[in-house]
PDB file of all heavy atoms in Angstrom:
ATOM      1  N   GLN A   1       0.710  14.846 -11.196  1.00  0.00           N
ATOM      2  CA  GLN A   1       0.896  15.562  -9.939  1.00  0.00           C
ATOM      3  C   GLN A   1      -0.144  15.175  -8.869  1.00  0.00           C
ATOM      4  O   GLN A   1      -0.076  15.670  -7.736  1.00  0.00           O
ATOM      5  CB  GLN A   1       0.879  17.078 -10.146  1.00  0.00           C
ATOM      6  CG  GLN A   1       2.088  17.586 -10.922  1.00  0.00           C
ATOM      7  CD  GLN A   1       2.012  19.070 -11.149  1.00  0.00           C
ATOM      8  OE1 GLN A   1       1.005  19.713 -10.997  1.00  0.00           O
ATOM      9  NE2 GLN A   1       3.161  19.631 -11.511  1.00  0.00           N
ATOM     10  N   ALA A   2      -1.066  14.307  -9.215  1.00  0.00           N
ATOM     11  CA  ALA A   2      -2.082  13.862  -8.275  1.00  0.00           C
ATOM     12  C   ALA A   2      -1.447  13.037  -7.157  1.00  0.00           C
ATOM     13  O   ALA A   2      -0.545  12.216  -7.430  1.00  0.00           O
ATOM     14  CB  ALA A   2      -3.171  13.065  -8.935  1.00  0.00           C
ATOM     15  N   LEU A   3      -1.847  13.268  -5.939  1.00  0.00           N
ATOM     16  CA  LEU A   3      -1.336  12.510  -4.822  1.00  0.00           C
ATOM     17  C   LEU A   3      -1.846  11.064  -4.925  1.00  0.00           C
ATOM     18  O   LEU A   3      -3.018  10.855  -5.135  1.00  0.00           O
ATOM     19  CB  LEU A   3      -1.820  13.130  -3.527  1.00  0.00           C
ATOM     20  CG  LEU A   3      -1.461  12.379  -2.231  1.00  0.00           C
ATOM     21  CD1 LEU A   3       0.058  12.405  -2.006  1.00  0.00           C
ATOM     22  CD2 LEU A   3      -2.149  13.012  -1.051  1.00  0.00           C
ATOM     23  N   THR A   4      -0.965  10.097  -4.780  1.00  0.00           N
ATOM     24  CA  THR A   4      -1.315   8.670  -4.872  1.00  0.00           C
ATOM     25  C   THR A   4      -0.991   7.991  -3.531  1.00  0.00           C
ATOM     26  O   THR A   4       0.103   8.177  -3.006  1.00  0.00           O
ATOM     27  CB  THR A   4      -0.560   7.950  -5.984  1.00  0.00           C
ATOM     28  OG1 THR A   4      -0.869   8.633  -7.229  1.00  0.00           O
ATOM     29  CG2 THR A   4      -0.999   6.519  -6.097  1.00  0.00           C
ATOM     30  N   GLU A   5      -1.964   7.274  -3.021  1.00  0.00           N
ATOM     31  CA  GLU A   5      -1.753   6.561  -1.728  1.00  0.00           C
ATOM     32  C   GLU A   5      -2.259   5.140  -1.842  1.00  0.00           C
ATOM     33  O   GLU A   5      -3.377   4.906  -2.297  1.00  0.00           O
ATOM     34  CB  GLU A   5      -2.507   7.320  -0.633  1.00  0.00           C
ATOM     35  CG  GLU A   5      -2.432   6.635   0.729  1.00  0.00           C
ATOM     36  CD  GLU A   5      -3.267   7.344   1.767  1.00  0.00           C
ATOM     37  OE1 GLU A   5      -4.009   8.312   1.424  1.00  0.00           O
ATOM     38  OE2 GLU A   5      -3.205   6.913   2.903  1.00  0.00           O
ATOM     39  N   ALA A   6      -1.413   4.191  -1.528  1.00  0.00           N
ATOM     40  CA  ALA A   6      -1.844   2.789  -1.440  1.00  0.00           C
ATOM     41  C   ALA A   6      -2.712   2.671  -0.184  1.00  0.00           C
ATOM     42  O   ALA A   6      -2.418   3.214   0.878  1.00  0.00           O
ATOM     43  CB  ALA A   6      -0.646   1.846  -1.360  1.00  0.00           C
ATOM     44  N   VAL A   7      -3.841   1.947  -0.295  1.00  0.00           N
ATOM     45  CA  VAL A   7      -4.754   1.831   0.807  1.00  0.00           C
ATOM     46  C   VAL A   7      -5.080   0.316   1.031  1.00  0.00           C
ATOM     47  O   VAL A   7      -5.117  -0.475   0.082  1.00  0.00           O
ATOM     48  CB  VAL A   7      -6.082   2.575   0.598  1.00  0.00           C
ATOM     49  CG1 VAL A   7      -5.846   4.080   0.597  1.00  0.00           C
ATOM     50  CG2 VAL A   7      -6.795   2.142  -0.681  1.00  0.00           C
ATOM     51  N   TRP A   8      -5.277  -0.049   2.284  1.00  0.00           N
ATOM     52  CA  TRP A   8      -5.640  -1.368   2.666  1.00  0.00           C
ATOM     53  C   TRP A   8      -7.107  -1.604   2.371  1.00  0.00           C
ATOM     54  O   TRP A   8      -7.955  -0.809   2.762  1.00  0.00           O
ATOM     55  CB  TRP A   8      -5.350  -1.567   4.160  1.00  0.00           C
ATOM     56  CG  TRP A   8      -5.799  -2.861   4.747  1.00  0.00           C
ATOM     57  CD1 TRP A   8      -6.619  -2.992   5.830  1.00  0.00           C
ATOM     58  CD2 TRP A   8      -5.474  -4.173   4.336  1.00  0.00           C
ATOM     59  NE1 TRP A   8      -6.829  -4.320   6.104  1.00  0.00           N
ATOM     60  CE2 TRP A   8      -6.103  -5.082   5.168  1.00  0.00           C
ATOM     61  CE3 TRP A   8      -4.628  -4.692   3.313  1.00  0.00           C
ATOM     62  CZ2 TRP A   8      -6.003  -6.455   5.066  1.00  0.00           C
ATOM     63  CZ3 TRP A   8      -4.546  -6.076   3.222  1.00  0.00           C
ATOM     64  CH2 TRP A   8      -5.200  -6.945   4.069  1.00  0.00           C
ATOM     65  N   THR A   9      -7.414  -2.634   1.607  1.00  0.00           N
ATOM     66  CA  THR A   9      -8.807  -2.920   1.231  1.00  0.00           C
ATOM     67  C   THR A   9      -9.506  -3.946   2.094  1.00  0.00           C
ATOM     68  O   THR A   9     -10.644  -4.280   1.880  1.00  0.00           O
ATOM     69  CB  THR A   9      -8.836  -3.461  -0.242  1.00  0.00           C
ATOM     70  OG1 THR A   9      -8.114  -4.689  -0.312  1.00  0.00           O
ATOM     71  CG2 THR A   9      -8.274  -2.438  -1.226  1.00  0.00           C
ATOM     72  N   HIS A  10      -8.800  -4.441   3.099  1.00  0.00           N
ATOM     73  CA  HIS A  10      -9.249  -5.550   3.961  1.00  0.00           C
ATOM     74  C   HIS A  10      -9.446  -6.831   3.160  1.00  0.00           C
ATOM     75  O   HIS A  10     -10.285  -7.660   3.503  1.00  0.00           O
ATOM     76  CB  HIS A  10     -10.563  -5.118   4.682  1.00  0.00           C
ATOM     77  CG  HIS A  10     -10.326  -4.089   5.723  1.00  0.00           C
ATOM     78  ND1 HIS A  10     -10.641  -4.301   7.047  1.00  0.00           N
ATOM     79  CD2 HIS A  10      -9.753  -2.863   5.680  1.00  0.00           C
ATOM     80  CE1 HIS A  10     -10.313  -3.259   7.775  1.00  0.00           C
ATOM     81  NE2 HIS A  10      -9.781  -2.344   6.947  1.00  0.00           N
ATOM     82  N   ASN A  11      -8.687  -6.962   2.106  1.00  0.00           N
ATOM     83  CA  ASN A  11      -8.666  -8.210   1.284  1.00  0.00           C
ATOM     84  C   ASN A  11      -7.266  -8.314   0.732  1.00  0.00           C
ATOM     85  O   ASN A  11      -6.816  -7.460  -0.029  1.00  0.00           O
ATOM     86  CB  ASN A  11      -9.699  -8.082   0.157  1.00  0.00           C
ATOM     87  CG  ASN A  11      -9.821  -9.368  -0.623  1.00  0.00           C
ATOM     88  OD1 ASN A  11      -8.811  -9.998  -0.932  1.00  0.00           O
ATOM     89  ND2 ASN A  11     -11.041  -9.703  -0.941  1.00  0.00           N
ATOM     90  N   ASP A  12      -6.566  -9.406   1.097  1.00  0.00           N
ATOM     91  CA  ASP A  12      -5.176  -9.606   0.694  1.00  0.00           C
ATOM     92  C   ASP A  12      -5.000  -9.700  -0.833  1.00  0.00           C
ATOM     93  O   ASP A  12      -3.923  -9.429  -1.335  1.00  0.00           O
ATOM     94  CB  ASP A  12      -4.588 -10.847   1.312  1.00  0.00           C
ATOM     95  CG  ASP A  12      -4.370 -10.702   2.806  1.00  0.00           C
ATOM     96  OD1 ASP A  12      -4.241  -9.549   3.275  1.00  0.00           O
ATOM     97  OD2 ASP A  12      -4.316 -11.764   3.487  1.00  0.00           O
ATOM     98  N   ALA A  13      -6.047 -10.022  -1.569  1.00  0.00           N
ATOM     99  CA  ALA A  13      -5.954 -10.237  -3.005  1.00  0.00           C
ATOM    100  C   ALA A  13      -6.224  -8.940  -3.793  1.00  0.00           C
ATOM    101  O   ALA A  13      -6.040  -8.922  -5.018  1.00  0.00           O
ATOM    102  CB  ALA A  13      -6.859 -11.336  -3.492  1.00  0.00           C
ATOM    103  N   VAL A  14      -6.709  -7.891  -3.119  1.00  0.00           N
ATOM    104  CA  VAL A  14      -7.158  -6.678  -3.853  1.00  0.00           C
ATOM    105  C   VAL A  14      -6.229  -5.516  -3.491  1.00  0.00           C
ATOM    106  O   VAL A  14      -6.170  -5.098  -2.344  1.00  0.00           O
ATOM    107  CB  VAL A  14      -8.633  -6.332  -3.548  1.00  0.00           C
ATOM    108  CG1 VAL A  14      -9.029  -5.062  -4.282  1.00  0.00           C
ATOM    109  CG2 VAL A  14      -9.547  -7.496  -3.913  1.00  0.00           C
ATOM    110  N   LEU A  15      -5.535  -4.990  -4.470  1.00  0.00           N
ATOM    111  CA  LEU A  15      -4.736  -3.785  -4.326  1.00  0.00           C
ATOM    112  C   LEU A  15      -5.626  -2.567  -4.468  1.00  0.00           C
ATOM    113  O   LEU A  15      -6.477  -2.487  -5.332  1.00  0.00           O
ATOM    114  CB  LEU A  15      -3.678  -3.700  -5.438  1.00  0.00           C
ATOM    115  CG  LEU A  15      -2.847  -2.431  -5.515  1.00  0.00           C
ATOM    116  CD1 LEU A  15      -1.946  -2.314  -4.297  1.00  0.00           C
ATOM    117  CD2 LEU A  15      -2.061  -2.375  -6.786  1.00  0.00           C
ATOM    118  N   GLY A  16      -5.437  -1.584  -3.547  1.00  0.00           N
ATOM    119  CA  GLY A  16      -6.192  -0.380  -3.619  1.00  0.00           C
ATOM    120  C   GLY A  16      -5.285   0.872  -3.684  1.00  0.00           C
ATOM    121  O   GLY A  16      -4.285   0.919  -2.944  1.00  0.00           O
ATOM    122  N   LEU A  17      -5.608   1.786  -4.551  1.00  0.00           N
ATOM    123  CA  LEU A  17      -4.919   3.037  -4.655  1.00  0.00           C
ATOM    124  C   LEU A  17      -5.927   4.172  -4.668  1.00  0.00           C
ATOM    125  O   LEU A  17      -6.960   4.068  -5.322  1.00  0.00           O
ATOM    126  CB  LEU A  17      -4.075   3.142  -5.912  1.00  0.00           C
ATOM    127  CG  LEU A  17      -2.963   2.132  -6.130  1.00  0.00           C
ATOM    128  CD1 LEU A  17      -2.399   2.264  -7.548  1.00  0.00           C
ATOM    129  CD2 LEU A  17      -1.875   2.377  -5.121  1.00  0.00           C
ATOM    130  N   VAL A  18      -5.652   5.241  -3.908  1.00  0.00           N
ATOM    131  CA  VAL A  18      -6.494   6.429  -3.985  1.00  0.00           C
ATOM    132  C   VAL A  18      -5.712   7.523  -4.595  1.00  0.00           C
ATOM    133  O   VAL A  18      -4.572   7.780  -4.213  1.00  0.00           O
ATOM    134  CB  VAL A  18      -7.011   6.874  -2.595  1.00  0.00           C
ATOM    135  CG1 VAL A  18      -7.727   8.203  -2.670  1.00  0.00           C
ATOM    136  CG2 VAL A  18      -7.960   5.804  -1.998  1.00  0.00           C
ATOM    137  N   ARG A  19      -6.232   8.195  -5.620  1.00  0.00           N
ATOM    138  CA  ARG A  19      -5.589   9.334  -6.275  1.00  0.00           C
ATOM    139  C   ARG A  19      -6.395  10.573  -5.977  1.00  0.00           C
ATOM    140  O   ARG A  19      -7.609  10.597  -6.228  1.00  0.00           O
ATOM    141  CB  ARG A  19      -5.553   9.106  -7.804  1.00  0.00           C
ATOM    142  CG  ARG A  19      -4.934   7.799  -8.238  1.00  0.00           C
ATOM    143  CD  ARG A  19      -3.663   7.841  -8.897  1.00  0.00           C
ATOM    144  NE  ARG A  19      -3.428   8.997  -9.690  1.00  0.00           N
ATOM    145  CZ  ARG A  19      -2.223   9.424 -10.051  1.00  0.00           C
ATOM    146  NH1 ARG A  19      -1.178   8.770  -9.616  1.00  0.00           N
ATOM    147  NH2 ARG A  19      -2.015  10.459 -10.817  1.00  0.00           N
ATOM    148  N   ASP A  20      -5.722  11.534  -5.406  1.00  0.00           N
ATOM    149  CA  ASP A  20      -6.399  12.817  -5.039  1.00  0.00           C
ATOM    150  C   ASP A  20      -5.811  13.943  -5.901  1.00  0.00           C
ATOM    151  O   ASP A  20      -4.594  14.055  -6.028  1.00  0.00           O
ATOM    152  CB  ASP A  20      -6.122  13.189  -3.579  1.00  0.00           C
ATOM    153  CG  ASP A  20      -7.101  12.494  -2.642  1.00  0.00           C
ATOM    154  OD1 ASP A  20      -8.290  12.649  -2.873  1.00  0.00           O
ATOM    155  OD2 ASP A  20      -6.593  11.834  -1.673  1.00  0.00           O
ATOM    156  N   SER A  21      -6.704  14.735  -6.456  1.00  0.00           N
ATOM    157  CA  SER A  21      -6.279  15.922  -7.241  1.00  0.00           C
ATOM    158  C   SER A  21      -7.340  17.006  -7.095  1.00  0.00           C
ATOM    159  O   SER A  21      -8.404  16.762  -6.476  1.00  0.00           O
ATOM    160  CB  SER A  21      -6.089  15.588  -8.714  1.00  0.00           C
ATOM    161  OG  SER A  21      -7.356  15.499  -9.364  1.00  0.00           O
ATOM    162  N   ALA A  22      -7.093  18.141  -7.618  1.00  0.00           N
ATOM    163  CA  ALA A  22      -8.008  19.268  -7.563  1.00  0.00           C
ATOM    164  C   ALA A  22      -9.307  18.925  -8.303  1.00  0.00           C
ATOM    165  O   ALA A  22     -10.358  19.487  -8.033  1.00  0.00           O
ATOM    166  CB  ALA A  22      -7.391  20.513  -8.157  1.00  0.00           C
ATOM    167  N   ARG A  23      -9.261  17.936  -9.201  1.00  0.00           N
ATOM    168  CA  ARG A  23     -10.432  17.580  -9.983  1.00  0.00           C
ATOM    169  C   ARG A  23     -11.222  16.418  -9.360  1.00  0.00           C
ATOM    170  O   ARG A  23     -12.236  16.021  -9.923  1.00  0.00           O
ATOM    171  CB  ARG A  23      -9.985  17.195 -11.412  1.00  0.00           C
ATOM    172  CG  ARG A  23      -9.456  18.398 -12.145  1.00  0.00           C
ATOM    173  CD  ARG A  23      -9.203  18.065 -13.564  1.00  0.00           C
ATOM    174  NE  ARG A  23      -8.718  19.225 -14.263  1.00  0.00           N
ATOM    175  CZ  ARG A  23      -8.620  19.305 -15.545  1.00  0.00           C
ATOM    176  NH1 ARG A  23      -8.955  18.266 -16.302  1.00  0.00           N
ATOM    177  NH2 ARG A  23      -8.188  20.434 -16.102  1.00  0.00           N
ATOM    178  N   GLY A  24     -10.760  15.869  -8.256  1.00  0.00           N
ATOM    179  CA  GLY A  24     -11.533  14.853  -7.615  1.00  0.00           C
ATOM    180  C   GLY A  24     -10.661  13.701  -7.075  1.00  0.00           C
ATOM    181  O   GLY A  24      -9.424  13.757  -7.105  1.00  0.00           O
ATOM    182  N   ARG A  25     -11.392  12.663  -6.598  1.00  0.00           N
ATOM    183  CA  ARG A  25     -10.719  11.504  -6.005  1.00  0.00           C
ATOM    184  C   ARG A  25     -11.115  10.291  -6.843  1.00  0.00           C
ATOM    185  O   ARG A  25     -12.258  10.146  -7.275  1.00  0.00           O
ATOM    186  CB  ARG A  25     -11.175  11.296  -4.581  1.00  0.00           C
ATOM    187  CG  ARG A  25     -10.832  12.422  -3.691  1.00  0.00           C
ATOM    188  CD  ARG A  25     -11.333  12.180  -2.266  1.00  0.00           C
ATOM    189  NE  ARG A  25     -10.410  11.254  -1.640  1.00  0.00           N
ATOM    190  CZ  ARG A  25     -10.804  10.180  -0.966  1.00  0.00           C
ATOM    191  NH1 ARG A  25     -12.063   9.889  -0.815  1.00  0.00           N
ATOM    192  NH2 ARG A  25      -9.935   9.364  -0.429  1.00  0.00           N
ATOM    193  N   LEU A  26     -10.165   9.391  -6.971  1.00  0.00           N
ATOM    194  CA  LEU A  26     -10.365   8.166  -7.757  1.00  0.00           C
ATOM    195  C   LEU A  26      -9.840   6.991  -6.919  1.00  0.00           C
ATOM    196  O   LEU A  26      -8.765   7.078  -6.342  1.00  0.00           O
ATOM    197  CB  LEU A  26      -9.593   8.230  -9.036  1.00  0.00           C
ATOM    198  CG  LEU A  26      -9.753   7.114 -10.066  1.00  0.00           C
ATOM    199  CD1 LEU A  26     -11.151   7.146 -10.663  1.00  0.00           C
ATOM    200  CD2 LEU A  26      -8.700   7.267 -11.181  1.00  0.00           C
ATOM    201  N   LEU A  27     -10.639   5.923  -6.819  1.00  0.00           N
ATOM    202  CA  LEU A  27     -10.251   4.695  -6.126  1.00  0.00           C
ATOM    203  C   LEU A  27      -9.979   3.654  -7.209  1.00  0.00           C
ATOM    204  O   LEU A  27     -10.865   3.303  -7.985  1.00  0.00           O
ATOM    205  CB  LEU A  27     -11.342   4.249  -5.164  1.00  0.00           C
ATOM    206  CG  LEU A  27     -11.127   2.883  -4.494  1.00  0.00           C
ATOM    207  CD1 LEU A  27      -9.912   2.933  -3.605  1.00  0.00           C
ATOM    208  CD2 LEU A  27     -12.369   2.439  -3.711  1.00  0.00           C
ATOM    209  N   ILE A  28      -8.762   3.218  -7.250  1.00  0.00           N
ATOM    210  CA  ILE A  28      -8.373   2.183  -8.205  1.00  0.00           C
ATOM    211  C   ILE A  28      -8.256   0.871  -7.439  1.00  0.00           C
ATOM    212  O   ILE A  28      -7.544   0.755  -6.433  1.00  0.00           O
ATOM    213  CB  ILE A  28      -7.046   2.538  -8.870  1.00  0.00           C
ATOM    214  CG1 ILE A  28      -7.185   3.868  -9.583  1.00  0.00           C
ATOM    215  CG2 ILE A  28      -6.564   1.417  -9.818  1.00  0.00           C
ATOM    216  CD1 ILE A  28      -5.858   4.430 -10.110  1.00  0.00           C
ATOM    217  N   LEU A  29      -8.999  -0.164  -7.909  1.00  0.00           N
ATOM    218  CA  LEU A  29      -8.941  -1.475  -7.311  1.00  0.00           C
ATOM    219  C   LEU A  29      -8.481  -2.496  -8.337  1.00  0.00           C
ATOM    220  O   LEU A  29      -8.870  -2.417  -9.507  1.00  0.00           O
ATOM    221  CB  LEU A  29     -10.341  -1.879  -6.793  1.00  0.00           C
ATOM    222  CG  LEU A  29     -10.976  -1.022  -5.716  1.00  0.00           C
ATOM    223  CD1 LEU A  29     -12.387  -1.497  -5.443  1.00  0.00           C
ATOM    224  CD2 LEU A  29     -10.120  -1.022  -4.454  1.00  0.00           C
ATOM    225  N   GLY A  30      -7.668  -3.424  -7.887  1.00  0.00           N
ATOM    226  CA  GLY A  30      -7.199  -4.487  -8.778  1.00  0.00           C
ATOM    227  C   GLY A  30      -7.205  -5.796  -8.044  1.00  0.00           C
ATOM    228  O   GLY A  30      -6.607  -5.948  -6.984  1.00  0.00           O
ATOM    229  N   ASN A  31      -7.910  -6.805  -8.586  1.00  0.00           N
ATOM    230  CA  ASN A  31      -7.982  -8.134  -8.030  1.00  0.00           C
ATOM    231  C   ASN A  31      -6.835  -8.988  -8.614  1.00  0.00           C
ATOM    232  O   ASN A  31      -6.832  -9.219  -9.828  1.00  0.00           O
ATOM    233  CB  ASN A  31      -9.331  -8.742  -8.321  1.00  0.00           C
ATOM    234  CG  ASN A  31      -9.461 -10.168  -7.786  1.00  0.00           C
ATOM    235  OD1 ASN A  31      -8.529 -10.701  -7.133  1.00  0.00           O
ATOM    236  ND2 ASN A  31     -10.578 -10.827  -8.100  1.00  0.00           N
ATOM    237  N   PHE A  32      -5.916  -9.366  -7.789  1.00  0.00           N
ATOM    238  CA  PHE A  32      -4.801 -10.205  -8.240  1.00  0.00           C
ATOM    239  C   PHE A  32      -4.977 -11.682  -7.922  1.00  0.00           C
ATOM    240  O   PHE A  32      -3.989 -12.390  -7.640  1.00  0.00           O
ATOM    241  CB  PHE A  32      -3.444  -9.627  -7.628  1.00  0.00           C
ATOM    242  CG  PHE A  32      -3.045  -8.362  -8.237  1.00  0.00           C
ATOM    243  CD1 PHE A  32      -3.555  -7.158  -7.807  1.00  0.00           C
ATOM    244  CD2 PHE A  32      -2.114  -8.341  -9.250  1.00  0.00           C
ATOM    245  CE1 PHE A  32      -3.153  -5.942  -8.359  1.00  0.00           C
ATOM    246  CE2 PHE A  32      -1.716  -7.160  -9.847  1.00  0.00           C
ATOM    247  CZ  PHE A  32      -2.232  -5.958  -9.383  1.00  0.00           C
ATOM    248  N   SER A  33      -6.194 -12.100  -8.004  1.00  0.00           N
ATOM    249  CA  SER A  33      -6.545 -13.487  -7.687  1.00  0.00           C
ATOM    250  C   SER A  33      -7.298 -14.118  -8.846  1.00  0.00           C
ATOM    251  O   SER A  33      -7.955 -13.437  -9.607  1.00  0.00           O
ATOM    252  CB  SER A  33      -7.388 -13.509  -6.411  1.00  0.00           C
ATOM    253  OG  SER A  33      -7.973 -14.795  -6.208  1.00  0.00           O
ATOM    254  N   ASP A  34      -7.250 -15.457  -8.889  1.00  0.00           N
ATOM    255  CA  ASP A  34      -8.033 -16.154  -9.928  1.00  0.00           C
ATOM    256  C   ASP A  34      -9.468 -16.488  -9.429  1.00  0.00           C
ATOM    257  O   ASP A  34     -10.181 -17.204 -10.046  1.00  0.00           O
ATOM    258  CB  ASP A  34      -7.327 -17.444 -10.360  1.00  0.00           C
ATOM    259  CG  ASP A  34      -7.124 -18.432  -9.231  1.00  0.00           C
ATOM    260  OD1 ASP A  34      -7.431 -18.143  -8.079  1.00  0.00           O
ATOM    261  OD2 ASP A  34      -6.668 -19.573  -9.541  1.00  0.00           O
ATOM    262  N   LYS A  35      -9.818 -15.889  -8.303  1.00  0.00           N
ATOM    263  CA  LYS A  35     -11.193 -16.006  -7.749  1.00  0.00           C
ATOM    264  C   LYS A  35     -11.778 -14.635  -7.523  1.00  0.00           C
ATOM    265  O   LYS A  35     -11.064 -13.678  -7.330  1.00  0.00           O
ATOM    266  CB  LYS A  35     -11.158 -16.801  -6.414  1.00  0.00           C
ATOM    267  CG  LYS A  35     -10.675 -18.216  -6.579  1.00  0.00           C
ATOM    268  CD  LYS A  35     -10.666 -18.913  -5.245  1.00  0.00           C
ATOM    269  CE  LYS A  35     -10.320 -20.347  -5.324  1.00  0.00           C
ATOM    270  NZ  LYS A  35      -9.189 -20.719  -6.135  1.00  0.00           N
ATOM    271  N   ALA A  36     -13.109 -14.547  -7.564  1.00  0.00           N
ATOM    272  CA  ALA A  36     -13.787 -13.283  -7.274  1.00  0.00           C
ATOM    273  C   ALA A  36     -13.438 -12.850  -5.829  1.00  0.00           C
ATOM    274  O   ALA A  36     -13.321 -13.689  -4.911  1.00  0.00           O
ATOM    275  CB  ALA A  36     -15.299 -13.429  -7.410  1.00  0.00           C
ATOM    276  N   GLN A  37     -13.238 -11.554  -5.639  1.00  0.00           N
ATOM    277  CA  GLN A  37     -12.850 -10.994  -4.353  1.00  0.00           C
ATOM    278  C   GLN A  37     -13.723  -9.801  -4.039  1.00  0.00           C
ATOM    279  O   GLN A  37     -14.128  -9.037  -4.942  1.00  0.00           O
ATOM    280  CB  GLN A  37     -11.385 -10.595  -4.322  1.00  0.00           C
ATOM    281  CG  GLN A  37     -10.439 -11.730  -4.604  1.00  0.00           C
ATOM    282  CD  GLN A  37     -10.364 -12.721  -3.456  1.00  0.00           C
ATOM    283  OE1 GLN A  37     -10.521 -12.394  -2.292  1.00  0.00           O
ATOM    284  NE2 GLN A  37     -10.136 -13.971  -3.823  1.00  0.00           N
TER     285      GLN A  37
END
């Protein structure tokens, strides 16, 4: 039931999601590149 929002990370290779719930906020980052980002 946590609210999930895709967020722009200012990097085309990194997906960002913010999850909001009564217990807190979580930032999920994923690098979809074969290079450090």
